[in-house]
Amino acid sequence: MGSSNLKVVVSAIAGNSFITVIKFIGWFFSQSPSLLAEAIHSLADSLNQILLLVGLKQSHGAVSREQPTGPGEARYLWNLISAVGVFFLGFGVTAYHGLHALVSSHNEIGPISWIGISVLVVSFIIEFYVFIQAYREVKIQKGSLGYIEFLKESDDPTLIAVLLEDGVAVLGVSLAMLGIGLGQIFNSVLFDIFASLGIAFLLGLMAVLLAFINGKLLIGRSTSIHKEEEIELFIQNQAEIKSVLLLKTQILGAGSIRLSVEVELNSSELIQSVDIKEVLKKLATEEDQFKILYKSSERMIRLTAKIVAQLELKIQENFPEVSLIDLEIT
């Protein structure tokens, strides 16, 4: 997780915290159901983005005896908790208040509150600005990938979570303004109430999507097929490798992959590295043939270990995201 991503998360927290306060003030003066839904929405976003920040901080810890593969998966855990928070606090509370307003509604709407409208306009500007910042960062990180493909293959859903939350926030403010506006035109509070229920639906949908993405990463998702094929081709092209028998990957955290690979060494390369003629000459001239064969075998073992170490180094030099390698020789 780079400093640019961290900046996006911190900006989102600051923006949403300010918006939460002014939305509750706007609701207090307007008593608008959709504005209350938006206030709860922004409160949920603020709290959840704080959880994302906690996950980012924890995932930067070093490898230790207690965590031999590192704490990279911590961000997935906190992202999942964040998604659950969005569902219960954002969707649950918002939907409850919307339905309660629908049941107890007298259908008539009061005079328009310009304080509420002003709050929504200011909120829209801030939400849209924060959304653009997250969108630009996602655009940089996704490279040539499409947005749906990036959503499926990304190993860092934190930025995706911020982008989705800010995108839903922009839609939510738009729905609230539409509900209030139509309510004034038709003199009915139902439009405002339905807008609040629409906001709740968006929050629920986003929470389920984020929970699904982070859940897959938390239980051990492999990297993309394209990346696995790229790694396999690289290993196969090494002169010391006859064939790659098995290759599996597991995402350990953002930018961190565990590679499990089983290879068959090219015996001709190993034999050429050992001077067979010299060994035969010693066998023919010296009496202690067992000692000669023992030393030759020992040399072969050391050579195999050297090849394995060099191969692991080459893999990590060409694929820095591979932080842990389980290499088996057959």
Foldseek 3Di string as FASTA:
>chain_A
DDPLLVVLLVLLLVLLVVLLVLLVVLCVVFVFLLSVLLSLLSVLSNVLSVLLNVQVVQQPDDADPVRNQGSQLSNLVSLLVSLVSLLCRNQVVLLVSLVVCVVPPPFFHDDDDVSNVVSLVVSLVSLVVSLVSLVVVVPVVCPPDDPVVCLQFAQDCSSVLSNLSSVLSNVSSVQQVVLSVVCVVVRTSNSSSVSSNVSSVSSNVSSVSSNVSSVCLNVWDWHDPVVQVVLLVVLCPDQQFPHWPDWTWTDPHGLAIEIETETETDVVVLVVVQDVVVLVVCCVPPDPNVVSVVVSVVVSVVVVVVVVVVSVVVSCVVRVSHPHYHYHYD
